Amino acid sequence: MKNITIILLLLICLPCMPLCAQETVKNEVETADSKWKFGVNGGYGQRVFRSRPIFDNDRKRYVKDFKSGISYGGEVAYFPWKKVGFGVKYDRYQSKASQGNVMTEDVAIQFLGGEVIHKAIMKNPKNAILTSLLLGYQPYRNHTQVGDNAFTFNGKTMGWGVSVGAEHRFSRKFALNLTGSAMMGAVFRLQRKTDINTETLHLSKDDSVDLSRFSVSLGFSFF
């Protein structure tokens, strides 16, 4: 009787074994690592420079709009090792604020540079935490309209930052990620252009243009 019971159990379990093996192979295929990664992202950006005390409500609203914007970009990364990779990242921050017919500012801050990426794979291999250190070039541009007068301010500086993102891999070729980033930098020399002339402004530490900002973005990655 004991032998018959064992035989019956084996007959029940044997059909399930190939299915389990197939599922394991499928999961391994879906989460297989690729050395190359291409990504695009977009979301909300916020400047974090300090402003002087403001008591006028219209001015407060203007500064709030001026500090808030959109952030979007892309990256190409290569992972020579399972948990460490290197990449090239592009990011663009844009904001625009108007105070009636008095003043309007249209700002764009770009970042183009390299990154070192650390990948921490979770218990579920489809999930990972990606931490990046960024260093690169940051051009700054501000189109300003004050009454009937128009100015364009341009500046260039180096910048650095960090980002932390959670990534979920849906297949071998596609993943979705949510990333928070913080970027730093300051411009100490500006070029001011008008329809008539161009001049260079040298700024002190207190008058420098602070480019510090953070962003939260949703991204798509392709492998």
N, C-alpha and C. Protein backbone atom coordinates (compact mmCIF):
# COMPACT_ATOMS: atom_id res chain seq x y z
N MET A 1 0.82 -1.21 0.00
CA MET A 1 0.00 0.00 0.00
C MET A 1 0.86 1.26 0.00
N LYS A 2 1.94 1.22 0.77
CA LYS A 2 2.85 2.37 0.83
C LYS A 2 3.47 2.65 -0.52
N ASN A 3 3.89 1.59 -1.23
CA ASN A 3 4.49 1.76 -2.56
C ASN A 3 3.49 2.34 -3.55
N ILE A 4 2.25 1.91 -3.45
CA ILE A 4 1.22 2.41 -4.36
C ILE A 4 1.01 3.90 -4.14
N THR A 5 1.01 4.32 -2.85
CA THR A 5 0.83 5.74 -2.52
C THR A 5 1.96 6.58 -3.11
N ILE A 6 3.19 6.09 -2.99
CA ILE A 6 4.35 6.82 -3.53
C ILE A 6 4.25 6.95 -5.04
N ILE A 7 3.83 5.87 -5.69
CA ILE A 7 3.70 5.88 -7.14
C ILE A 7 2.64 6.89 -7.58
N LEU A 8 1.52 6.93 -6.84
CA LEU A 8 0.45 7.87 -7.18
C LEU A 8 0.92 9.32 -7.02
N LEU A 9 1.68 9.60 -5.96
CA LEU A 9 2.20 10.94 -5.75
C LEU A 9 3.15 11.35 -6.87
N LEU A 10 3.99 10.43 -7.30
CA LEU A 10 4.91 10.72 -8.40
C LEU A 10 4.17 11.01 -9.69
N LEU A 11 3.09 10.25 -9.92
CA LEU A 11 2.31 10.45 -11.14
C LEU A 11 1.63 11.82 -11.14
N ILE A 12 1.25 12.29 -9.93
CA ILE A 12 0.60 13.59 -9.83
C ILE A 12 1.61 14.72 -10.02
N CYS A 13 2.82 14.56 -9.43
CA CYS A 13 3.83 15.63 -9.44
C CYS A 13 4.58 15.75 -10.76
N LEU A 14 4.78 14.63 -11.45
CA LEU A 14 5.59 14.65 -12.67
C LEU A 14 5.07 15.63 -13.73
N PRO A 15 3.76 15.71 -14.00
CA PRO A 15 3.30 16.67 -15.01
C PRO A 15 3.57 18.12 -14.64
N CYS A 16 3.66 18.39 -13.31
CA CYS A 16 3.89 19.78 -12.87
C CYS A 16 5.34 20.20 -13.01
N MET A 17 6.25 19.24 -12.97
CA MET A 17 7.67 19.57 -13.02
C MET A 17 8.08 20.30 -14.29
N PRO A 18 7.66 19.86 -15.48
CA PRO A 18 8.03 20.60 -16.70
C PRO A 18 7.47 22.03 -16.70
N LEU A 19 6.22 22.18 -16.13
CA LEU A 19 5.63 23.51 -16.09
C LEU A 19 6.44 24.44 -15.20
N CYS A 20 6.92 23.94 -14.04
CA CYS A 20 7.74 24.75 -13.14
C CYS A 20 9.05 25.12 -13.80
N ALA A 21 9.62 24.18 -14.51
CA ALA A 21 10.89 24.44 -15.19
C ALA A 21 10.71 25.49 -16.27
N GLN A 22 9.57 25.39 -17.02
CA GLN A 22 9.31 26.36 -18.07
C GLN A 22 9.12 27.76 -17.49
N GLU A 23 8.41 27.84 -16.33
CA GLU A 23 8.18 29.13 -15.70
C GLU A 23 9.48 29.76 -15.22
N THR A 24 10.39 28.90 -14.68
CA THR A 24 11.68 29.40 -14.22
C THR A 24 12.50 29.95 -15.38
N VAL A 25 12.51 29.22 -16.49
CA VAL A 25 13.24 29.66 -17.67
C VAL A 25 12.65 30.96 -18.20
N LYS A 26 11.29 31.05 -18.17
CA LYS A 26 10.63 32.25 -18.65
C LYS A 26 11.03 33.47 -17.83
N ASN A 27 11.03 33.31 -16.48
CA ASN A 27 11.41 34.42 -15.62
C ASN A 27 12.85 34.83 -15.83
N GLU A 28 13.73 33.84 -16.02
CA GLU A 28 15.14 34.14 -16.25
C GLU A 28 15.32 34.90 -17.56
N VAL A 29 14.52 34.52 -18.59
CA VAL A 29 14.61 35.19 -19.87
C VAL A 29 14.13 36.63 -19.74
N GLU A 30 12.99 36.83 -18.98
CA GLU A 30 12.41 38.15 -18.86
C GLU A 30 13.31 39.11 -18.09
N THR A 31 14.09 38.57 -17.14
CA THR A 31 14.93 39.43 -16.31
C THR A 31 16.40 39.35 -16.70
N ALA A 32 16.70 38.76 -17.85
CA ALA A 32 18.10 38.66 -18.27
C ALA A 32 18.70 40.04 -18.44
N ASP A 33 19.91 40.21 -17.96
CA ASP A 33 20.57 41.50 -18.02
C ASP A 33 21.08 41.79 -19.42
N SER A 34 20.96 43.05 -19.82
CA SER A 34 21.52 43.53 -21.07
C SER A 34 22.57 44.57 -20.74
N LYS A 35 23.67 44.56 -21.46
CA LYS A 35 24.74 45.51 -21.16
C LYS A 35 24.37 46.93 -21.58
N TRP A 36 23.51 47.09 -22.58
CA TRP A 36 23.14 48.42 -23.05
C TRP A 36 21.74 48.79 -22.57
N LYS A 37 21.55 50.07 -22.30
CA LYS A 37 20.26 50.58 -21.85
C LYS A 37 20.02 51.96 -22.46
N PHE A 38 18.81 52.17 -22.98
CA PHE A 38 18.40 53.45 -23.55
C PHE A 38 17.14 53.91 -22.83
N GLY A 39 17.08 55.15 -22.41
CA GLY A 39 15.92 55.60 -21.64
C GLY A 39 15.49 57.01 -21.97
N VAL A 40 14.20 57.29 -21.78
CA VAL A 40 13.63 58.63 -21.89
C VAL A 40 12.77 58.86 -20.66
N ASN A 41 12.64 60.14 -20.25
CA ASN A 41 11.87 60.44 -19.05
C ASN A 41 11.32 61.85 -19.10
N GLY A 42 10.34 62.10 -18.26
CA GLY A 42 9.76 63.42 -18.16
C GLY A 42 8.98 63.57 -16.87
N GLY A 43 8.94 64.80 -16.32
CA GLY A 43 8.21 65.00 -15.08
C GLY A 43 8.26 66.43 -14.60
N TYR A 44 8.19 66.59 -13.29
CA TYR A 44 8.10 67.90 -12.65
C TYR A 44 9.46 68.33 -12.11
N GLY A 45 9.79 69.62 -12.28
CA GLY A 45 11.04 70.16 -11.77
C GLY A 45 10.79 71.36 -10.87
N GLN A 46 11.68 71.58 -9.90
CA GLN A 46 11.52 72.67 -8.94
C GLN A 46 12.88 73.29 -8.64
N ARG A 47 13.02 74.60 -8.90
CA ARG A 47 14.23 75.33 -8.50
C ARG A 47 14.21 75.52 -6.98
N VAL A 48 15.38 75.53 -6.36
CA VAL A 48 15.44 75.61 -4.90
C VAL A 48 16.28 76.80 -4.41
N PHE A 49 16.53 77.79 -5.28
CA PHE A 49 17.30 78.94 -4.84
C PHE A 49 16.50 79.76 -3.82
N ARG A 50 17.21 80.45 -2.95
CA ARG A 50 16.56 81.30 -1.95
C ARG A 50 16.19 82.66 -2.56
N SER A 51 15.02 83.12 -2.22
CA SER A 51 14.59 84.45 -2.68
C SER A 51 14.38 85.36 -1.47
N ARG A 52 14.44 86.63 -1.73
CA ARG A 52 14.25 87.61 -0.66
C ARG A 52 12.80 87.58 -0.17
N PRO A 53 12.56 88.02 1.08
CA PRO A 53 11.19 88.04 1.61
C PRO A 53 10.25 88.83 0.70
N ILE A 54 9.10 88.25 0.39
CA ILE A 54 8.12 88.86 -0.52
C ILE A 54 6.79 89.00 0.21
N PHE A 55 6.18 90.17 0.14
CA PHE A 55 4.92 90.43 0.82
C PHE A 55 3.77 90.66 -0.16
N ASP A 56 4.11 90.94 -1.40
CA ASP A 56 3.08 91.16 -2.41
C ASP A 56 2.60 89.82 -2.97
N ASN A 57 1.29 89.60 -3.00
CA ASN A 57 0.74 88.31 -3.44
C ASN A 57 1.03 88.03 -4.90
N ASP A 58 0.95 89.05 -5.75
CA ASP A 58 1.23 88.85 -7.18
C ASP A 58 2.69 88.43 -7.38
N ARG A 59 3.56 89.06 -6.62
CA ARG A 59 4.98 88.72 -6.72
C ARG A 59 5.24 87.32 -6.20
N LYS A 60 4.57 86.93 -5.13
CA LYS A 60 4.72 85.57 -4.59
C LYS A 60 4.30 84.54 -5.63
N ARG A 61 3.18 84.81 -6.30
CA ARG A 61 2.70 83.90 -7.34
C ARG A 61 3.69 83.82 -8.50
N TYR A 62 4.26 84.97 -8.83
CA TYR A 62 5.25 85.02 -9.91
C TYR A 62 6.47 84.17 -9.58
N VAL A 63 7.01 84.32 -8.37
CA VAL A 63 8.20 83.56 -7.97
C VAL A 63 7.88 82.07 -7.90
N LYS A 64 6.69 81.73 -7.43
CA LYS A 64 6.29 80.32 -7.38
C LYS A 64 6.26 79.72 -8.77
N ASP A 65 5.68 80.43 -9.73
CA ASP A 65 5.64 79.94 -11.12
C ASP A 65 7.05 79.88 -11.71
N PHE A 66 7.87 80.85 -11.35
CA PHE A 66 9.23 80.91 -11.89
C PHE A 66 10.07 79.72 -11.41
N LYS A 67 9.84 79.29 -10.18
CA LYS A 67 10.62 78.18 -9.62
C LYS A 67 10.12 76.81 -10.08
N SER A 68 8.88 76.74 -10.55
CA SER A 68 8.28 75.45 -10.95
C SER A 68 8.34 75.28 -12.46
N GLY A 69 8.61 74.06 -12.90
CA GLY A 69 8.68 73.81 -14.34
C GLY A 69 8.59 72.34 -14.67
N ILE A 70 8.99 72.04 -15.88
CA ILE A 70 9.01 70.65 -16.34
C ILE A 70 10.46 70.23 -16.57
N SER A 71 10.68 68.94 -16.45
CA SER A 71 12.02 68.38 -16.67
C SER A 71 11.88 67.13 -17.53
N TYR A 72 12.71 67.04 -18.56
CA TYR A 72 12.65 65.87 -19.42
C TYR A 72 14.03 65.62 -20.04
N GLY A 73 14.24 64.42 -20.53
CA GLY A 73 15.54 64.10 -21.12
C GLY A 73 15.67 62.64 -21.48
N GLY A 74 16.92 62.21 -21.59
CA GLY A 74 17.18 60.82 -21.96
C GLY A 74 18.60 60.42 -21.58
N GLU A 75 18.89 59.15 -21.72
CA GLU A 75 20.21 58.65 -21.38
C GLU A 75 20.54 57.39 -22.17
N VAL A 76 21.84 57.16 -22.29
CA VAL A 76 22.37 55.92 -22.86
C VAL A 76 23.38 55.39 -21.85
N ALA A 77 23.24 54.14 -21.46
CA ALA A 77 24.12 53.58 -20.44
C ALA A 77 24.66 52.22 -20.87
N TYR A 78 25.85 51.91 -20.38
CA TYR A 78 26.49 50.63 -20.67
C TYR A 78 26.92 50.01 -19.35
N PHE A 79 26.57 48.75 -19.14
CA PHE A 79 26.89 48.03 -17.91
C PHE A 79 27.93 46.93 -18.20
N PRO A 80 29.20 47.24 -17.99
CA PRO A 80 30.22 46.20 -18.16
C PRO A 80 30.16 45.16 -17.05
N TRP A 81 29.60 45.55 -15.91
CA TRP A 81 29.40 44.63 -14.80
C TRP A 81 27.91 44.59 -14.46
N LYS A 82 27.51 43.57 -13.72
CA LYS A 82 26.10 43.37 -13.41
C LYS A 82 25.52 44.53 -12.61
N LYS A 83 26.30 45.09 -11.69
CA LYS A 83 25.78 46.10 -10.77
C LYS A 83 26.35 47.50 -11.00
N VAL A 84 27.27 47.65 -11.90
CA VAL A 84 27.90 48.95 -12.13
C VAL A 84 27.91 49.28 -13.62
N GLY A 85 27.51 50.51 -13.94
CA GLY A 85 27.50 50.92 -15.33
C GLY A 85 27.91 52.38 -15.49
N PHE A 86 28.09 52.79 -16.75
CA PHE A 86 28.48 54.16 -17.09
C PHE A 86 27.54 54.65 -18.19
N GLY A 87 27.26 55.95 -18.17
CA GLY A 87 26.33 56.45 -19.17
C GLY A 87 26.54 57.91 -19.52
N VAL A 88 25.76 58.35 -20.51
CA VAL A 88 25.70 59.75 -20.92
C VAL A 88 24.25 60.19 -20.75
N LYS A 89 24.05 61.30 -20.05
CA LYS A 89 22.69 61.74 -19.72
C LYS A 89 22.44 63.17 -20.21
N TYR A 90 21.25 63.41 -20.72
CA TYR A 90 20.81 64.74 -21.11
C TYR A 90 19.53 65.08 -20.34
N ASP A 91 19.48 66.30 -19.78
CA ASP A 91 18.29 66.73 -19.05
C ASP A 91 18.03 68.20 -19.38
N ARG A 92 16.76 68.55 -19.50
CA ARG A 92 16.38 69.93 -19.79
C ARG A 92 15.26 70.34 -18.84
N TYR A 93 15.48 71.45 -18.16
CA TYR A 93 14.49 72.03 -17.26
C TYR A 93 13.97 73.32 -17.88
N GLN A 94 12.64 73.52 -17.84
CA GLN A 94 12.05 74.72 -18.42
C GLN A 94 10.98 75.28 -17.49
N SER A 95 10.95 76.61 -17.36
CA SER A 95 9.89 77.27 -16.60
C SER A 95 9.61 78.62 -17.22
N LYS A 96 8.40 79.11 -16.99
CA LYS A 96 8.01 80.41 -17.52
C LYS A 96 7.07 81.08 -16.53
N ALA A 97 7.29 82.37 -16.29
CA ALA A 97 6.45 83.11 -15.35
C ALA A 97 6.19 84.50 -15.90
N SER A 98 4.97 85.00 -15.65
CA SER A 98 4.59 86.34 -16.10
C SER A 98 3.91 87.08 -14.97
N GLN A 99 4.20 88.37 -14.86
CA GLN A 99 3.55 89.25 -13.89
C GLN A 99 2.85 90.37 -14.65
N GLY A 100 1.64 90.05 -15.10
CA GLY A 100 0.87 90.99 -15.89
C GLY A 100 1.65 91.42 -17.13
N ASN A 101 1.63 92.71 -17.41
CA ASN A 101 2.40 93.26 -18.52
C ASN A 101 3.72 93.85 -18.07
N VAL A 102 4.08 93.56 -16.79
CA VAL A 102 5.29 94.15 -16.22
C VAL A 102 6.53 93.38 -16.63
N MET A 103 6.52 92.06 -16.41
CA MET A 103 7.72 91.27 -16.68
C MET A 103 7.36 89.83 -16.99
N THR A 104 8.13 89.23 -17.89
CA THR A 104 8.00 87.82 -18.23
C THR A 104 9.39 87.22 -18.34
N GLU A 105 9.56 86.02 -17.78
CA GLU A 105 10.84 85.31 -17.87
C GLU A 105 10.59 83.89 -18.37
N ASP A 106 11.38 83.49 -19.34
CA ASP A 106 11.31 82.14 -19.91
C ASP A 106 12.70 81.52 -19.76
N VAL A 107 12.81 80.52 -18.88
CA VAL A 107 14.11 79.97 -18.50
C VAL A 107 14.27 78.54 -19.00
N ALA A 108 15.48 78.22 -19.44
CA ALA A 108 15.85 76.85 -19.80
C ALA A 108 17.23 76.54 -19.22
N ILE A 109 17.33 75.43 -18.50
CA ILE A 109 18.61 74.95 -17.97
C ILE A 109 18.83 73.55 -18.51
N GLN A 110 19.95 73.33 -19.16
CA GLN A 110 20.25 72.02 -19.72
C GLN A 110 21.42 71.37 -18.97
N PHE A 111 21.45 70.07 -19.04
CA PHE A 111 22.58 69.32 -18.49
C PHE A 111 22.97 68.25 -19.49
N LEU A 112 24.26 68.17 -19.78
CA LEU A 112 24.79 67.11 -20.63
C LEU A 112 26.09 66.63 -20.00
N GLY A 113 26.11 65.37 -19.60
CA GLY A 113 27.30 64.89 -18.92
C GLY A 113 27.30 63.39 -18.75
N GLY A 114 28.28 62.93 -18.00
CA GLY A 114 28.43 61.51 -17.75
C GLY A 114 27.85 61.11 -16.41
N GLU A 115 27.63 59.83 -16.25
CA GLU A 115 27.10 59.30 -15.00
C GLU A 115 27.71 57.94 -14.68
N VAL A 116 27.85 57.69 -13.39
CA VAL A 116 28.25 56.38 -12.89
C VAL A 116 27.04 55.81 -12.18
N ILE A 117 26.65 54.60 -12.54
CA ILE A 117 25.39 54.02 -12.07
C ILE A 117 25.66 52.77 -11.24
N HIS A 118 24.98 52.68 -10.10
CA HIS A 118 25.01 51.46 -9.29
C HIS A 118 23.62 50.85 -9.30
N LYS A 119 23.54 49.57 -9.60
CA LYS A 119 22.26 48.87 -9.66
C LYS A 119 22.16 47.86 -8.51
N ALA A 120 21.15 48.04 -7.66
CA ALA A 120 20.89 47.11 -6.56
C ALA A 120 19.66 46.29 -6.93
N ILE A 121 19.87 45.01 -7.22
CA ILE A 121 18.79 44.14 -7.65
C ILE A 121 18.04 43.62 -6.42
N MET A 122 16.71 43.72 -6.46
CA MET A 122 15.88 43.33 -5.34
C MET A 122 15.66 41.80 -5.30
N LYS A 123 14.93 41.36 -4.28
CA LYS A 123 14.62 39.93 -4.13
C LYS A 123 13.91 39.41 -5.37
N ASN A 124 12.96 40.21 -5.86
CA ASN A 124 12.36 39.92 -7.16
C ASN A 124 13.29 40.51 -8.21
N PRO A 125 13.96 39.71 -9.02
CA PRO A 125 14.97 40.23 -9.96
C PRO A 125 14.42 41.18 -11.01
N LYS A 126 13.09 41.32 -11.11
CA LYS A 126 12.52 42.28 -12.05
C LYS A 126 12.59 43.70 -11.51
N ASN A 127 12.84 43.84 -10.21
CA ASN A 127 12.89 45.15 -9.57
C ASN A 127 14.33 45.51 -9.21
N ALA A 128 14.68 46.78 -9.35
CA ALA A 128 16.03 47.24 -9.03
C ALA A 128 15.99 48.70 -8.60
N ILE A 129 16.96 49.09 -7.77
CA ILE A 129 17.15 50.47 -7.38
C ILE A 129 18.43 50.96 -8.06
N LEU A 130 18.31 52.04 -8.83
CA LEU A 130 19.44 52.60 -9.58
C LEU A 130 19.86 53.93 -8.96
N THR A 131 21.12 54.02 -8.56
CA THR A 131 21.67 55.24 -7.99
C THR A 131 22.77 55.77 -8.91
N SER A 132 22.68 57.05 -9.27
CA SER A 132 23.64 57.62 -10.22
C SER A 132 24.30 58.87 -9.66
N LEU A 133 25.59 59.02 -9.98
CA LEU A 133 26.33 60.25 -9.72
C LEU A 133 26.58 60.92 -11.06
N LEU A 134 26.27 62.22 -11.17
CA LEU A 134 26.29 62.93 -12.44
C LEU A 134 27.29 64.08 -12.40
N LEU A 135 27.97 64.29 -13.52
CA LEU A 135 28.89 65.42 -13.65
C LEU A 135 28.92 65.84 -15.11
N GLY A 136 28.71 67.16 -15.36
CA GLY A 136 28.70 67.58 -16.75
C GLY A 136 28.55 69.07 -16.94
N TYR A 137 28.12 69.45 -18.12
CA TYR A 137 28.06 70.83 -18.61
C TYR A 137 26.62 71.34 -18.52
N GLN A 138 26.45 72.57 -18.01
CA GLN A 138 25.11 73.12 -17.84
C GLN A 138 24.98 74.50 -18.51
N PRO A 139 24.37 74.60 -19.67
CA PRO A 139 24.06 75.90 -20.27
C PRO A 139 22.77 76.47 -19.64
N TYR A 140 22.76 77.79 -19.49
CA TYR A 140 21.61 78.49 -18.91
C TYR A 140 21.16 79.58 -19.87
N ARG A 141 19.83 79.72 -20.02
CA ARG A 141 19.29 80.74 -20.90
C ARG A 141 18.01 81.32 -20.29
N ASN A 142 17.90 82.66 -20.32
CA ASN A 142 16.72 83.32 -19.78
C ASN A 142 16.29 84.43 -20.74
N HIS A 143 15.11 84.25 -21.36
CA HIS A 143 14.51 85.30 -22.19
C HIS A 143 13.65 86.17 -21.27
N THR A 144 14.01 87.43 -21.12
CA THR A 144 13.31 88.33 -20.21
C THR A 144 12.68 89.49 -20.98
N GLN A 145 11.43 89.77 -20.65
CA GLN A 145 10.72 90.90 -21.24
C GLN A 145 10.27 91.81 -20.11
N VAL A 146 10.78 93.03 -20.07
CA VAL A 146 10.40 94.02 -19.07
C VAL A 146 9.78 95.20 -19.81
N GLY A 147 8.46 95.30 -19.74
CA GLY A 147 7.78 96.34 -20.52
C GLY A 147 8.02 96.14 -22.01
N ASP A 148 8.59 97.13 -22.65
CA ASP A 148 8.90 97.02 -24.09
C ASP A 148 10.33 96.57 -24.34
N ASN A 149 11.09 96.33 -23.29
CA ASN A 149 12.49 95.95 -23.42
C ASN A 149 12.67 94.43 -23.31
N ALA A 150 13.43 93.88 -24.24
CA ALA A 150 13.68 92.43 -24.26
C ALA A 150 15.17 92.17 -24.06
N PHE A 151 15.47 91.19 -23.22
CA PHE A 151 16.85 90.78 -22.95
C PHE A 151 16.94 89.26 -23.05
N THR A 152 18.13 88.80 -23.42
CA THR A 152 18.43 87.37 -23.36
C THR A 152 19.72 87.18 -22.58
N PHE A 153 19.63 86.43 -21.48
CA PHE A 153 20.79 86.15 -20.66
C PHE A 153 21.25 84.72 -20.93
N ASN A 154 22.54 84.56 -21.20
CA ASN A 154 23.12 83.24 -21.44
C ASN A 154 24.31 83.02 -20.50
N GLY A 155 24.41 81.81 -19.98
CA GLY A 155 25.53 81.46 -19.11
C GLY A 155 25.90 80.00 -19.28
N LYS A 156 27.13 79.69 -18.92
CA LYS A 156 27.64 78.31 -19.01
C LYS A 156 28.39 77.98 -17.73
N THR A 157 28.20 76.77 -17.25
CA THR A 157 28.89 76.35 -16.04
C THR A 157 28.92 74.83 -15.98
N MET A 158 29.72 74.31 -15.05
CA MET A 158 29.72 72.88 -14.77
C MET A 158 28.68 72.60 -13.69
N GLY A 159 28.19 71.39 -13.67
CA GLY A 159 27.21 71.01 -12.66
C GLY A 159 27.34 69.55 -12.28
N TRP A 160 26.81 69.22 -11.14
CA TRP A 160 26.84 67.83 -10.70
C TRP A 160 25.52 67.51 -10.00
N GLY A 161 25.26 66.23 -9.83
CA GLY A 161 24.00 65.85 -9.20
C GLY A 161 23.96 64.38 -8.85
N VAL A 162 22.86 63.99 -8.25
CA VAL A 162 22.61 62.59 -7.88
C VAL A 162 21.18 62.25 -8.27
N SER A 163 20.94 60.99 -8.52
CA SER A 163 19.58 60.52 -8.80
C SER A 163 19.39 59.13 -8.23
N VAL A 164 18.18 58.86 -7.78
CA VAL A 164 17.81 57.54 -7.24
C VAL A 164 16.50 57.15 -7.88
N GLY A 165 16.46 55.97 -8.47
CA GLY A 165 15.25 55.53 -9.15
C GLY A 165 14.90 54.09 -8.87
N ALA A 166 13.60 53.81 -8.90
CA ALA A 166 13.09 52.44 -8.76
C ALA A 166 12.65 51.97 -10.14
N GLU A 167 13.16 50.83 -10.56
CA GLU A 167 12.88 50.31 -11.90
C GLU A 167 12.20 48.96 -11.82
N HIS A 168 11.15 48.79 -12.64
CA HIS A 168 10.48 47.50 -12.75
C HIS A 168 10.56 47.03 -14.20
N ARG A 169 11.07 45.84 -14.36
CA ARG A 169 11.28 45.29 -15.71
C ARG A 169 10.10 44.40 -16.11
N PHE A 170 9.41 44.79 -17.18
CA PHE A 170 8.26 44.03 -17.65
C PHE A 170 8.67 42.90 -18.59
N SER A 171 9.79 43.07 -19.27
CA SER A 171 10.28 42.05 -20.20
C SER A 171 11.77 42.24 -20.39
N ARG A 172 12.37 41.46 -21.26
CA ARG A 172 13.80 41.60 -21.54
C ARG A 172 14.13 42.94 -22.16
N LYS A 173 13.16 43.53 -22.86
CA LYS A 173 13.44 44.73 -23.64
C LYS A 173 12.85 46.02 -23.08
N PHE A 174 12.00 45.93 -22.04
CA PHE A 174 11.28 47.13 -21.60
C PHE A 174 11.15 47.19 -20.08
N ALA A 175 11.32 48.41 -19.53
CA ALA A 175 11.16 48.63 -18.10
C ALA A 175 10.57 50.02 -17.85
N LEU A 176 9.92 50.17 -16.71
CA LEU A 176 9.35 51.44 -16.28
C LEU A 176 10.07 51.87 -15.01
N ASN A 177 10.36 53.17 -14.89
CA ASN A 177 11.07 53.61 -13.69
C ASN A 177 10.54 54.95 -13.19
N LEU A 178 10.66 55.16 -11.88
CA LEU A 178 10.31 56.42 -11.23
C LEU A 178 11.58 56.92 -10.55
N THR A 179 12.01 58.14 -10.90
CA THR A 179 13.32 58.64 -10.48
C THR A 179 13.23 60.03 -9.87
N GLY A 180 13.96 60.22 -8.78
CA GLY A 180 14.12 61.54 -8.18
C GLY A 180 15.55 62.00 -8.37
N SER A 181 15.73 63.25 -8.79
CA SER A 181 17.07 63.77 -9.08
C SER A 181 17.27 65.12 -8.41
N ALA A 182 18.53 65.40 -8.06
CA ALA A 182 18.91 66.71 -7.53
C ALA A 182 20.14 67.18 -8.29
N MET A 183 20.07 68.40 -8.83
CA MET A 183 21.16 68.96 -9.62
C MET A 183 21.64 70.25 -8.98
N MET A 184 22.96 70.48 -9.04
CA MET A 184 23.56 71.67 -8.46
C MET A 184 24.44 72.39 -9.48
N GLY A 185 24.59 73.70 -9.28
CA GLY A 185 25.44 74.50 -10.14
C GLY A 185 25.12 75.98 -9.98
N ALA A 186 26.05 76.84 -10.37
CA ALA A 186 25.83 78.29 -10.27
C ALA A 186 26.58 78.98 -11.40
N VAL A 187 25.98 80.04 -11.93
CA VAL A 187 26.57 80.83 -13.02
C VAL A 187 27.09 82.14 -12.44
N PHE A 188 28.38 82.44 -12.69
CA PHE A 188 29.00 83.66 -12.19
C PHE A 188 29.29 84.67 -13.30
N ARG A 189 29.05 84.27 -14.54
CA ARG A 189 29.26 85.19 -15.66
C ARG A 189 28.12 85.01 -16.66
N LEU A 190 27.46 86.10 -16.97
CA LEU A 190 26.34 86.08 -17.89
C LEU A 190 26.62 86.98 -19.09
N GLN A 191 26.08 86.56 -20.22
CA GLN A 191 26.13 87.41 -21.42
C GLN A 191 24.72 87.94 -21.65
N ARG A 192 24.58 89.27 -21.63
CA ARG A 192 23.27 89.89 -21.82
C ARG A 192 23.18 90.47 -23.23
N LYS A 193 22.18 90.01 -23.97
CA LYS A 193 21.99 90.45 -25.35
C LYS A 193 20.70 91.25 -25.48
N THR A 194 20.77 92.31 -26.24
CA THR A 194 19.58 93.07 -26.64
C THR A 194 19.62 93.23 -28.15
N ASP A 195 18.64 93.93 -28.70
CA ASP A 195 18.64 94.19 -30.15
C ASP A 195 19.77 95.13 -30.55
N ILE A 196 20.31 95.84 -29.55
CA ILE A 196 21.33 96.85 -29.86
C ILE A 196 22.74 96.36 -29.59
N ASN A 197 22.96 95.74 -28.43
CA ASN A 197 24.32 95.36 -28.07
C ASN A 197 24.37 94.09 -27.23
N THR A 198 25.59 93.64 -26.96
CA THR A 198 25.84 92.47 -26.11
C THR A 198 26.93 92.83 -25.11
N GLU A 199 26.69 92.49 -23.86
CA GLU A 199 27.69 92.78 -22.83
C GLU A 199 27.81 91.59 -21.88
N THR A 200 28.96 91.50 -21.23
CA THR A 200 29.24 90.42 -20.29
C THR A 200 29.14 90.94 -18.86
N LEU A 201 28.39 90.23 -18.04
CA LEU A 201 28.21 90.61 -16.63
C LEU A 201 28.98 89.64 -15.75
N HIS A 202 29.82 90.14 -14.87
CA HIS A 202 30.54 89.33 -13.90
C HIS A 202 29.83 89.44 -12.56
N LEU A 203 29.35 88.33 -12.05
CA LEU A 203 28.52 88.31 -10.86
C LEU A 203 29.30 87.88 -9.63
N SER A 204 28.95 88.48 -8.49
CA SER A 204 29.55 88.06 -7.22
C SER A 204 28.85 86.80 -6.72
N LYS A 205 29.37 86.25 -5.64
CA LYS A 205 28.77 85.04 -5.07
C LYS A 205 27.32 85.27 -4.66
N ASP A 206 27.04 86.44 -4.11
CA ASP A 206 25.68 86.75 -3.66
C ASP A 206 24.73 87.00 -4.83
N ASP A 207 25.25 87.44 -5.97
CA ASP A 207 24.40 87.76 -7.12
C ASP A 207 24.39 86.67 -8.18
N SER A 208 25.11 85.58 -7.95
CA SER A 208 25.20 84.51 -8.95
C SER A 208 23.84 83.86 -9.19
N VAL A 209 23.69 83.24 -10.35
CA VAL A 209 22.44 82.55 -10.71
C VAL A 209 22.54 81.11 -10.21
N ASP A 210 21.74 80.79 -9.21
CA ASP A 210 21.74 79.45 -8.62
C ASP A 210 20.90 78.52 -9.49
N LEU A 211 21.51 77.48 -10.01
CA LEU A 211 20.80 76.53 -10.88
C LEU A 211 20.30 75.30 -10.13
N SER A 212 20.45 75.27 -8.82
CA SER A 212 20.06 74.09 -8.03
C SER A 212 18.57 73.80 -8.22
N ARG A 213 18.26 72.55 -8.37
CA ARG A 213 16.89 72.13 -8.62
C ARG A 213 16.74 70.64 -8.35
N PHE A 214 15.50 70.21 -8.16
CA PHE A 214 15.23 68.78 -8.07
C PHE A 214 14.08 68.44 -9.00
N SER A 215 13.96 67.18 -9.33
CA SER A 215 12.90 66.74 -10.24
C SER A 215 12.43 65.33 -9.88
N VAL A 216 11.20 65.06 -10.21
CA VAL A 216 10.61 63.71 -10.10
C VAL A 216 10.07 63.36 -11.47
N SER A 217 10.54 62.25 -12.03
CA SER A 217 10.16 61.92 -13.41
C SER A 217 9.79 60.46 -13.56
N LEU A 218 8.94 60.21 -14.54
CA LEU A 218 8.57 58.86 -14.95
C LEU A 218 9.30 58.55 -16.24
N GLY A 219 9.90 57.36 -16.32
CA GLY A 219 10.72 57.05 -17.49
C GLY A 219 10.46 55.67 -18.05
N PHE A 220 10.88 55.50 -19.30
CA PHE A 220 10.80 54.22 -20.00
C PHE A 220 12.20 53.82 -20.43
N SER A 221 12.56 52.59 -20.18
CA SER A 221 13.88 52.08 -20.55
C SER A 221 13.76 50.95 -21.54
N PHE A 222 14.71 50.92 -22.48
CA PHE A 222 14.74 49.88 -23.51
C PHE A 222 16.12 49.22 -23.50
N PHE A 223 16.15 47.93 -23.62
CA PHE A 223 17.40 47.15 -23.50
C PHE A 223 17.73 46.45 -24.82
